[in-house]
């Protein structure tokens, strides 16, 4: 695994290294809510969030139809569906992805290597500015024309826990 250190000085020094909140937000604050484009699939998440990373892997890019996607991880028991449940499919061995069957919005993914953690897409949050990524994963799959200047560390492969271990329960 190859990773580089960021030279950028974090503005949220008291936030764990696995996730950053936007200025003024509260780490232990109220629940975060999100939903799909049509609103039929909704969810609520109780803090704290375990991680927030931007992924460049081919599977995430294809599911989200974007050059990269940003997701955050939460442990089971800290989130719940507030609308219909999304449709699920196995995109590759050990990876389950979900989406709204009505409007097609990608909602989440789960890996068997972290079976007690659900990863939800930041863009589905009612306030997507509430979280900031701290790492680029699967950086070796980044599209060559995508130029990034955020100074975040990069990681080869999708397993961010090797660089930013999850906090214990």
N, C-alpha and C. Protein backbone atom coordinates (compact mmCIF):
# COMPACT_ATOMS: atom_id res chain seq x y z
N UNK A 1 0.84 -1.17 0.00
CA UNK A 1 0.00 0.00 0.00
C UNK A 1 0.89 1.23 0.00
N UNK A 2 0.58 2.16 -0.89
CA UNK A 2 1.33 3.41 -0.96
C UNK A 2 0.41 4.55 -0.56
N UNK A 3 0.85 5.35 0.38
CA UNK A 3 0.06 6.49 0.80
C UNK A 3 0.98 7.68 0.94
N UNK A 4 0.43 8.86 0.72
CA UNK A 4 1.21 10.08 0.89
C UNK A 4 0.59 10.93 1.97
N UNK A 5 1.38 11.72 2.64
CA UNK A 5 0.89 12.61 3.69
C UNK A 5 0.50 13.94 3.09
N UNK A 6 -0.53 14.53 3.62
CA UNK A 6 -0.97 15.84 3.20
C UNK A 6 -0.13 16.91 3.88
N UNK A 7 0.14 17.97 3.15
CA UNK A 7 0.85 19.10 3.74
C UNK A 7 -0.14 20.15 4.23
N UNK A 8 -1.41 19.95 3.95
CA UNK A 8 -2.45 20.88 4.37
C UNK A 8 -2.68 20.78 5.86
N UNK A 9 -2.78 21.90 6.53
CA UNK A 9 -3.05 21.93 7.96
C UNK A 9 -4.56 21.84 8.18
N UNK A 10 -5.03 20.83 8.91
CA UNK A 10 -6.48 20.69 9.11
C UNK A 10 -7.05 21.83 9.94
N UNK A 11 -8.27 22.24 9.59
CA UNK A 11 -8.95 23.29 10.34
C UNK A 11 -9.72 22.72 11.52
N UNK A 12 -9.87 21.41 11.56
CA UNK A 12 -10.65 20.79 12.62
C UNK A 12 -9.76 19.88 13.43
N UNK A 13 -8.80 20.43 14.13
CA UNK A 13 -7.77 19.66 14.82
C UNK A 13 -8.33 18.70 15.87
N UNK A 14 -9.48 19.01 16.43
CA UNK A 14 -10.02 18.15 17.49
C UNK A 14 -10.88 17.02 16.95
N UNK A 15 -11.11 16.95 15.65
CA UNK A 15 -11.92 15.88 15.06
C UNK A 15 -11.03 14.68 14.79
N UNK A 16 -11.53 13.45 14.97
CA UNK A 16 -10.69 12.27 14.73
C UNK A 16 -10.14 12.28 13.30
N UNK A 17 -9.00 11.63 13.10
CA UNK A 17 -8.34 11.65 11.80
C UNK A 17 -9.16 10.96 10.72
N UNK A 18 -10.16 10.18 11.07
CA UNK A 18 -10.92 9.46 10.07
C UNK A 18 -12.06 10.27 9.46
N UNK A 19 -12.41 11.41 10.03
CA UNK A 19 -13.50 12.19 9.48
C UNK A 19 -13.39 13.63 9.93
N UNK A 20 -13.82 14.54 9.06
CA UNK A 20 -13.84 15.95 9.42
C UNK A 20 -15.25 16.46 9.21
N UNK A 21 -15.65 17.37 10.10
CA UNK A 21 -16.93 18.02 9.91
C UNK A 21 -16.67 19.41 9.39
N UNK A 22 -17.69 19.98 8.79
CA UNK A 22 -17.58 21.36 8.33
C UNK A 22 -17.51 22.28 9.54
N UNK A 23 -16.94 23.46 9.35
CA UNK A 23 -16.83 24.40 10.46
C UNK A 23 -18.21 24.68 11.04
N UNK A 24 -18.26 24.73 12.35
CA UNK A 24 -19.49 25.05 13.03
C UNK A 24 -20.39 23.86 13.31
N UNK A 25 -20.10 22.69 12.74
CA UNK A 25 -20.95 21.55 13.03
C UNK A 25 -20.45 20.84 14.28
N UNK A 26 -21.29 20.03 14.85
CA UNK A 26 -21.00 19.41 16.13
C UNK A 26 -20.82 17.91 15.95
N UNK A 27 -19.65 17.39 16.32
CA UNK A 27 -19.34 15.97 16.16
C UNK A 27 -20.38 15.09 16.84
N UNK A 28 -20.77 15.43 18.02
CA UNK A 28 -21.75 14.61 18.76
C UNK A 28 -23.15 15.20 18.64
N UNK A 29 -23.39 16.00 17.64
CA UNK A 29 -24.65 16.73 17.49
C UNK A 29 -25.82 15.86 17.10
N UNK A 30 -26.83 16.50 16.55
CA UNK A 30 -28.06 15.82 16.20
C UNK A 30 -27.87 14.93 14.99
N UNK A 31 -28.86 14.13 14.73
CA UNK A 31 -28.83 13.18 13.62
C UNK A 31 -28.69 13.90 12.29
N UNK A 32 -28.08 13.20 11.34
CA UNK A 32 -28.01 13.67 9.96
C UNK A 32 -29.06 12.90 9.17
N UNK A 33 -29.66 13.56 8.21
CA UNK A 33 -30.68 12.92 7.38
C UNK A 33 -30.28 13.01 5.92
N UNK A 34 -30.76 12.03 5.15
CA UNK A 34 -30.51 12.03 3.72
C UNK A 34 -31.63 11.33 2.99
N UNK A 35 -31.61 11.44 1.67
CA UNK A 35 -32.67 10.82 0.86
C UNK A 35 -32.24 10.76 -0.59
N UNK A 36 -32.98 9.98 -1.35
CA UNK A 36 -32.75 9.87 -2.79
C UNK A 36 -33.39 11.07 -3.50
N UNK A 37 -33.23 11.13 -4.81
CA UNK A 37 -33.77 12.23 -5.60
C UNK A 37 -35.29 12.35 -5.50
N UNK A 38 -36.01 11.22 -5.55
CA UNK A 38 -37.47 11.29 -5.50
C UNK A 38 -38.02 11.35 -4.07
N UNK A 39 -37.16 11.07 -3.09
CA UNK A 39 -37.57 11.17 -1.68
C UNK A 39 -38.18 9.92 -1.09
N UNK A 40 -38.35 8.86 -1.87
CA UNK A 40 -38.96 7.64 -1.33
C UNK A 40 -38.03 6.88 -0.40
N UNK A 41 -36.72 6.94 -0.67
CA UNK A 41 -35.73 6.30 0.19
C UNK A 41 -35.15 7.39 1.07
N UNK A 42 -35.27 7.23 2.37
CA UNK A 42 -34.70 8.18 3.31
C UNK A 42 -33.95 7.45 4.40
N UNK A 43 -33.03 8.16 5.05
CA UNK A 43 -32.28 7.56 6.14
C UNK A 43 -31.92 8.62 7.16
N UNK A 44 -31.61 8.15 8.36
CA UNK A 44 -31.17 9.02 9.44
C UNK A 44 -29.96 8.36 10.09
N UNK A 45 -28.95 9.16 10.41
CA UNK A 45 -27.70 8.67 10.98
C UNK A 45 -27.42 9.39 12.28
N UNK A 46 -27.10 8.62 13.33
CA UNK A 46 -26.69 9.21 14.61
C UNK A 46 -25.17 9.29 14.64
N UNK A 47 -24.61 10.45 14.98
CA UNK A 47 -23.15 10.56 15.07
C UNK A 47 -22.61 9.69 16.21
N UNK A 48 -21.31 9.40 16.18
CA UNK A 48 -20.32 9.95 15.25
C UNK A 48 -20.19 9.12 13.98
N UNK A 49 -19.74 9.78 12.94
CA UNK A 49 -19.41 9.13 11.68
C UNK A 49 -18.01 8.56 11.83
N UNK A 50 -17.79 7.36 11.30
CA UNK A 50 -16.49 6.69 11.46
C UNK A 50 -15.44 7.16 10.47
N UNK A 51 -15.87 7.47 9.25
CA UNK A 51 -14.93 7.80 8.19
C UNK A 51 -15.64 8.62 7.13
N UNK A 52 -14.84 9.31 6.32
CA UNK A 52 -15.38 10.03 5.17
C UNK A 52 -14.25 10.10 4.15
N UNK A 53 -14.38 9.38 3.04
CA UNK A 53 -13.32 9.30 2.05
C UNK A 53 -13.89 9.46 0.64
N UNK A 54 -13.02 9.86 -0.29
CA UNK A 54 -13.39 9.93 -1.71
C UNK A 54 -12.79 8.73 -2.42
N UNK A 55 -13.62 8.02 -3.16
CA UNK A 55 -13.19 6.80 -3.83
C UNK A 55 -13.12 7.00 -5.34
N UNK A 56 -12.06 6.46 -5.93
CA UNK A 56 -11.83 6.57 -7.36
C UNK A 56 -11.97 5.23 -8.08
N UNK A 57 -12.44 4.19 -7.37
CA UNK A 57 -12.51 2.87 -7.99
C UNK A 57 -13.55 2.84 -9.11
N UNK A 58 -13.33 1.94 -10.06
CA UNK A 58 -14.20 1.80 -11.21
C UNK A 58 -15.64 1.50 -10.80
N UNK A 59 -15.83 0.64 -9.79
CA UNK A 59 -17.20 0.27 -9.37
C UNK A 59 -17.96 1.47 -8.82
N UNK A 60 -17.33 2.26 -7.95
CA UNK A 60 -17.99 3.45 -7.40
C UNK A 60 -18.28 4.47 -8.50
N UNK A 61 -17.31 4.66 -9.40
CA UNK A 61 -17.52 5.61 -10.50
C UNK A 61 -18.70 5.19 -11.36
N UNK A 62 -18.79 3.90 -11.65
CA UNK A 62 -19.90 3.44 -12.50
C UNK A 62 -21.24 3.50 -11.78
N UNK A 63 -21.27 3.11 -10.49
CA UNK A 63 -22.54 3.16 -9.79
C UNK A 63 -23.06 4.59 -9.69
N UNK A 64 -22.16 5.54 -9.45
CA UNK A 64 -22.57 6.93 -9.23
C UNK A 64 -22.50 7.78 -10.50
N UNK A 65 -22.00 7.20 -11.60
CA UNK A 65 -21.87 7.93 -12.86
C UNK A 65 -21.14 9.25 -12.65
N UNK A 66 -20.01 9.15 -11.96
CA UNK A 66 -19.23 10.33 -11.61
C UNK A 66 -17.75 9.98 -11.64
N UNK A 67 -16.85 10.97 -11.79
CA UNK A 67 -15.43 10.68 -11.84
C UNK A 67 -14.86 10.16 -10.52
N UNK A 68 -15.55 10.38 -9.44
CA UNK A 68 -15.23 9.84 -8.11
C UNK A 68 -16.46 10.04 -7.25
N UNK A 69 -16.49 9.41 -6.09
CA UNK A 69 -17.60 9.63 -5.18
C UNK A 69 -17.07 9.73 -3.76
N UNK A 70 -17.83 10.37 -2.90
CA UNK A 70 -17.43 10.51 -1.51
C UNK A 70 -18.49 9.84 -0.65
N UNK A 71 -18.03 9.00 0.27
CA UNK A 71 -18.96 8.30 1.15
C UNK A 71 -18.47 8.37 2.59
N UNK A 72 -19.39 8.07 3.51
CA UNK A 72 -19.05 8.05 4.93
C UNK A 72 -19.54 6.74 5.52
N UNK A 73 -18.82 6.28 6.55
CA UNK A 73 -19.15 5.02 7.18
C UNK A 73 -19.77 5.21 8.55
N UNK A 74 -20.79 4.40 8.84
CA UNK A 74 -21.43 4.38 10.16
C UNK A 74 -21.70 2.94 10.55
N UNK A 75 -21.57 2.66 11.83
CA UNK A 75 -21.81 1.31 12.33
C UNK A 75 -23.31 0.99 12.34
N UNK A 76 -23.61 -0.28 12.14
CA UNK A 76 -24.99 -0.73 12.27
C UNK A 76 -25.50 -0.35 13.65
N UNK A 77 -26.75 0.04 13.72
CA UNK A 77 -27.34 0.49 14.97
C UNK A 77 -27.29 2.01 15.10
N UNK A 78 -26.50 2.68 14.25
CA UNK A 78 -26.42 4.14 14.27
C UNK A 78 -27.15 4.76 13.08
N UNK A 79 -27.80 3.95 12.28
CA UNK A 79 -28.54 4.46 11.14
C UNK A 79 -29.84 3.69 11.01
N UNK A 80 -30.79 4.27 10.30
CA UNK A 80 -32.08 3.62 10.06
C UNK A 80 -32.73 4.20 8.80
N UNK A 81 -33.49 3.37 8.12
CA UNK A 81 -34.27 3.84 6.97
C UNK A 81 -35.47 4.60 7.49
N UNK A 82 -35.81 5.71 6.87
CA UNK A 82 -36.99 6.49 7.28
C UNK A 82 -38.04 6.51 6.18
N UNK A 83 -37.76 5.88 5.09
CA UNK A 83 -38.71 5.73 3.98
C UNK A 83 -38.67 4.29 3.54
N UNK A 84 -38.93 4.08 2.29
CA UNK A 84 -38.80 2.72 1.75
C UNK A 84 -37.35 2.28 1.85
N UNK A 85 -37.12 0.98 1.85
CA UNK A 85 -35.75 0.47 1.81
C UNK A 85 -35.30 0.42 0.36
N UNK A 86 -34.00 0.66 0.12
CA UNK A 86 -33.51 0.62 -1.25
C UNK A 86 -33.40 -0.81 -1.78
N UNK A 87 -33.27 -0.90 -3.08
CA UNK A 87 -33.01 -2.18 -3.74
C UNK A 87 -31.51 -2.44 -3.62
N UNK A 88 -31.13 -3.70 -3.43
CA UNK A 88 -29.73 -4.07 -3.26
C UNK A 88 -29.27 -5.01 -4.37
N UNK A 89 -27.98 -4.91 -4.69
CA UNK A 89 -27.40 -5.87 -5.63
C UNK A 89 -25.93 -6.06 -5.30
N UNK A 90 -25.41 -7.23 -5.63
CA UNK A 90 -24.00 -7.55 -5.41
C UNK A 90 -23.22 -7.13 -6.65
N UNK A 91 -22.44 -6.07 -6.51
CA UNK A 91 -21.72 -5.51 -7.65
C UNK A 91 -20.43 -6.28 -7.95
N UNK A 92 -19.88 -6.91 -6.94
CA UNK A 92 -18.67 -7.72 -7.08
C UNK A 92 -18.61 -8.63 -5.86
N UNK A 93 -17.75 -9.63 -5.86
CA UNK A 93 -17.70 -10.53 -4.71
C UNK A 93 -17.45 -9.77 -3.41
N UNK A 94 -18.34 -9.94 -2.44
CA UNK A 94 -18.18 -9.32 -1.14
C UNK A 94 -18.65 -7.88 -1.03
N UNK A 95 -19.26 -7.33 -2.09
CA UNK A 95 -19.72 -5.93 -2.05
C UNK A 95 -21.19 -5.87 -2.45
N UNK A 96 -21.98 -5.28 -1.55
CA UNK A 96 -23.41 -5.06 -1.81
C UNK A 96 -23.65 -3.57 -1.94
N UNK A 97 -24.31 -3.17 -3.01
CA UNK A 97 -24.64 -1.75 -3.24
C UNK A 97 -26.15 -1.59 -3.24
N UNK A 98 -26.60 -0.39 -2.90
CA UNK A 98 -28.04 -0.15 -2.89
C UNK A 98 -28.37 1.12 -3.68
N UNK A 99 -29.61 1.19 -4.13
CA UNK A 99 -30.09 2.32 -4.92
C UNK A 99 -31.61 2.39 -4.82
N UNK A 100 -32.14 3.55 -5.17
CA UNK A 100 -33.60 3.70 -5.20
C UNK A 100 -34.13 3.07 -6.48
N UNK A 101 -35.09 2.13 -6.38
CA UNK A 101 -35.63 1.50 -7.59
C UNK A 101 -36.55 2.42 -8.39
N UNK A 102 -36.93 3.57 -7.81
CA UNK A 102 -37.84 4.50 -8.49
C UNK A 102 -37.08 5.56 -9.29
N UNK A 103 -36.07 6.18 -8.67
CA UNK A 103 -35.35 7.26 -9.36
C UNK A 103 -33.91 6.90 -9.71
N UNK A 104 -33.39 5.79 -9.18
CA UNK A 104 -32.07 5.32 -9.53
C UNK A 104 -30.93 5.87 -8.68
N UNK A 105 -31.22 6.73 -7.72
CA UNK A 105 -30.16 7.32 -6.90
C UNK A 105 -29.36 6.25 -6.17
N UNK A 106 -28.01 6.25 -6.31
CA UNK A 106 -27.18 5.36 -5.50
C UNK A 106 -27.28 5.80 -4.04
N UNK A 107 -27.39 4.86 -3.11
CA UNK A 107 -27.57 5.19 -1.70
C UNK A 107 -26.38 4.74 -0.86
N UNK A 108 -25.95 3.49 -1.01
CA UNK A 108 -24.95 2.96 -0.09
C UNK A 108 -24.19 1.78 -0.69
N UNK A 109 -23.16 1.37 0.05
CA UNK A 109 -22.51 0.09 -0.22
C UNK A 109 -22.02 -0.49 1.09
N UNK A 110 -21.86 -1.80 1.08
CA UNK A 110 -21.37 -2.54 2.25
C UNK A 110 -20.39 -3.60 1.75
N UNK A 111 -19.27 -3.70 2.44
CA UNK A 111 -18.25 -4.68 2.10
C UNK A 111 -18.23 -5.75 3.19
N UNK A 112 -18.04 -7.01 2.79
CA UNK A 112 -17.98 -8.08 3.79
C UNK A 112 -16.76 -7.92 4.70
N UNK A 113 -15.73 -7.19 4.26
CA UNK A 113 -14.56 -6.97 5.13
C UNK A 113 -14.89 -6.03 6.28
N UNK A 114 -15.94 -5.24 6.13
CA UNK A 114 -16.41 -4.36 7.21
C UNK A 114 -17.92 -4.54 7.32
N UNK A 115 -18.35 -5.75 7.65
CA UNK A 115 -19.77 -6.09 7.56
C UNK A 115 -20.65 -5.34 8.55
N UNK A 116 -20.07 -4.75 9.59
CA UNK A 116 -20.89 -4.01 10.56
C UNK A 116 -20.91 -2.51 10.27
N UNK A 117 -20.38 -2.11 9.10
CA UNK A 117 -20.33 -0.69 8.72
C UNK A 117 -21.06 -0.50 7.39
N UNK A 118 -21.99 0.45 7.36
CA UNK A 118 -22.67 0.83 6.13
C UNK A 118 -22.03 2.12 5.64
N UNK A 119 -21.76 2.20 4.35
CA UNK A 119 -21.21 3.41 3.76
C UNK A 119 -22.30 4.08 2.93
N UNK A 120 -22.62 5.30 3.27
CA UNK A 120 -23.65 6.09 2.58
C UNK A 120 -22.97 7.21 1.80
N UNK A 121 -23.54 7.57 0.67
CA UNK A 121 -22.94 8.62 -0.17
C UNK A 121 -23.25 10.00 0.40
N UNK A 122 -22.20 10.79 0.55
CA UNK A 122 -22.31 12.13 1.13
C UNK A 122 -23.30 12.99 0.35
N UNK A 123 -23.33 12.84 -0.97
CA UNK A 123 -24.22 13.66 -1.79
C UNK A 123 -25.71 13.40 -1.52
N UNK A 124 -26.04 12.31 -0.83
CA UNK A 124 -27.44 12.04 -0.50
C UNK A 124 -27.88 12.72 0.79
N UNK A 125 -26.94 13.30 1.53
CA UNK A 125 -27.29 14.00 2.77
C UNK A 125 -28.07 15.27 2.49
N UNK A 126 -28.98 15.63 3.38
CA UNK A 126 -29.68 16.91 3.26
C UNK A 126 -28.69 18.06 3.34
N UNK A 127 -27.61 17.87 4.12
CA UNK A 127 -26.55 18.86 4.21
C UNK A 127 -25.22 18.19 3.88
N UNK A 128 -24.92 18.01 2.59
CA UNK A 128 -23.68 17.32 2.22
C UNK A 128 -22.42 18.09 2.63
N UNK A 129 -22.54 19.35 2.96
CA UNK A 129 -21.39 20.14 3.42
C UNK A 129 -21.03 19.82 4.87
N UNK A 130 -21.83 19.01 5.54
CA UNK A 130 -21.59 18.68 6.95
C UNK A 130 -20.34 17.82 7.14
N UNK A 131 -19.94 17.09 6.11
CA UNK A 131 -18.77 16.21 6.21
C UNK A 131 -17.76 16.57 5.13
N UNK A 132 -16.50 16.33 5.44
CA UNK A 132 -15.42 16.52 4.46
C UNK A 132 -14.57 15.27 4.44
N UNK A 133 -14.18 14.84 3.24
CA UNK A 133 -13.31 13.66 3.17
C UNK A 133 -11.93 13.96 3.73
N UNK A 134 -11.27 12.90 4.19
CA UNK A 134 -9.92 13.02 4.74
C UNK A 134 -8.90 12.22 3.96
N UNK A 135 -9.35 11.50 2.91
CA UNK A 135 -8.46 10.60 2.19
C UNK A 135 -9.04 10.28 0.82
N UNK A 136 -8.18 10.07 -0.17
CA UNK A 136 -8.57 9.54 -1.48
C UNK A 136 -8.17 8.08 -1.51
N UNK A 137 -9.14 7.19 -1.80
CA UNK A 137 -8.84 5.75 -1.88
C UNK A 137 -8.95 5.27 -3.31
N UNK A 138 -8.35 4.10 -3.57
CA UNK A 138 -8.29 3.54 -4.93
C UNK A 138 -7.73 4.58 -5.90
N UNK A 139 -6.75 5.32 -5.42
CA UNK A 139 -6.18 6.42 -6.17
C UNK A 139 -5.53 5.96 -7.48
N UNK A 140 -5.09 4.72 -7.52
CA UNK A 140 -4.48 4.20 -8.74
C UNK A 140 -5.49 4.08 -9.89
N UNK A 141 -6.80 4.16 -9.55
CA UNK A 141 -7.85 4.09 -10.57
C UNK A 141 -8.39 5.47 -10.94
N UNK A 142 -7.82 6.52 -10.38
CA UNK A 142 -8.27 7.89 -10.66
C UNK A 142 -8.18 8.17 -12.16
N UNK A 143 -9.19 8.83 -12.68
CA UNK A 143 -9.18 9.21 -14.09
C UNK A 143 -8.06 10.21 -14.33
N UNK A 144 -7.33 10.04 -15.41
CA UNK A 144 -6.14 10.86 -15.66
C UNK A 144 -6.49 12.35 -15.83
N UNK A 145 -7.67 12.67 -16.34
CA UNK A 145 -8.02 14.07 -16.56
C UNK A 145 -8.55 14.77 -15.31
N UNK A 146 -8.81 14.00 -14.25
CA UNK A 146 -9.31 14.59 -13.01
C UNK A 146 -8.15 15.18 -12.22
N UNK A 147 -8.14 16.49 -12.07
CA UNK A 147 -7.08 17.16 -11.33
C UNK A 147 -7.58 17.53 -9.95
N UNK A 148 -6.83 17.12 -8.94
CA UNK A 148 -7.21 17.38 -7.55
C UNK A 148 -6.16 18.28 -6.91
N UNK A 149 -6.60 19.24 -6.15
CA UNK A 149 -5.68 20.13 -5.47
C UNK A 149 -6.04 20.30 -4.01
N UNK A 150 -6.68 19.27 -3.43
CA UNK A 150 -7.15 19.39 -2.05
C UNK A 150 -6.09 19.03 -1.01
N UNK A 151 -4.96 18.48 -1.44
CA UNK A 151 -3.89 18.15 -0.51
C UNK A 151 -4.16 16.97 0.39
N UNK A 152 -5.24 16.22 0.14
CA UNK A 152 -5.54 15.06 0.98
C UNK A 152 -4.58 13.91 0.67
N UNK A 153 -4.31 13.06 1.66
CA UNK A 153 -3.48 11.88 1.40
C UNK A 153 -4.19 10.95 0.42
N UNK A 154 -3.41 10.11 -0.23
CA UNK A 154 -3.95 9.15 -1.18
C UNK A 154 -3.57 7.74 -0.75
N UNK A 155 -4.38 6.78 -1.16
CA UNK A 155 -4.16 5.40 -0.78
C UNK A 155 -4.40 4.51 -1.98
N UNK A 156 -3.53 3.54 -2.16
CA UNK A 156 -3.71 2.54 -3.21
C UNK A 156 -4.67 1.48 -2.66
N UNK A 157 -5.69 1.17 -3.44
CA UNK A 157 -6.69 0.20 -3.01
C UNK A 157 -7.83 0.89 -2.26
N UNK A 158 -8.95 0.17 -2.11
CA UNK A 158 -10.13 0.77 -1.49
C UNK A 158 -10.18 0.67 0.04
N UNK A 159 -9.31 -0.13 0.66
CA UNK A 159 -9.42 -0.36 2.10
C UNK A 159 -8.75 0.77 2.88
N UNK A 160 -9.52 1.78 3.21
CA UNK A 160 -9.00 2.95 3.93
C UNK A 160 -8.63 2.64 5.37
N UNK A 161 -9.12 1.53 5.91
CA UNK A 161 -8.85 1.22 7.32
C UNK A 161 -7.39 0.88 7.57
N UNK A 162 -6.65 0.55 6.52
CA UNK A 162 -5.21 0.28 6.69
C UNK A 162 -4.45 1.58 6.93
N UNK A 163 -5.00 2.70 6.50
CA UNK A 163 -4.38 4.01 6.67
C UNK A 163 -5.04 4.76 7.82
N UNK A 164 -6.37 4.67 7.90
CA UNK A 164 -7.13 5.35 8.93
C UNK A 164 -8.02 4.31 9.63
N UNK A 165 -7.46 3.59 10.63
CA UNK A 165 -8.24 2.55 11.30
C UNK A 165 -9.53 3.12 11.91
N UNK A 166 -10.56 2.30 11.90
CA UNK A 166 -11.83 2.71 12.49
C UNK A 166 -11.70 2.72 14.01
N UNK A 167 -12.38 3.68 14.66
CA UNK A 167 -12.39 3.67 16.12
C UNK A 167 -13.07 2.41 16.64
N UNK A 168 -12.67 1.98 17.81
CA UNK A 168 -13.32 0.81 18.44
C UNK A 168 -14.75 1.15 18.79
N UNK A 169 -15.57 0.12 18.93
CA UNK A 169 -16.99 0.31 19.29
C UNK A 169 -17.14 1.06 20.57
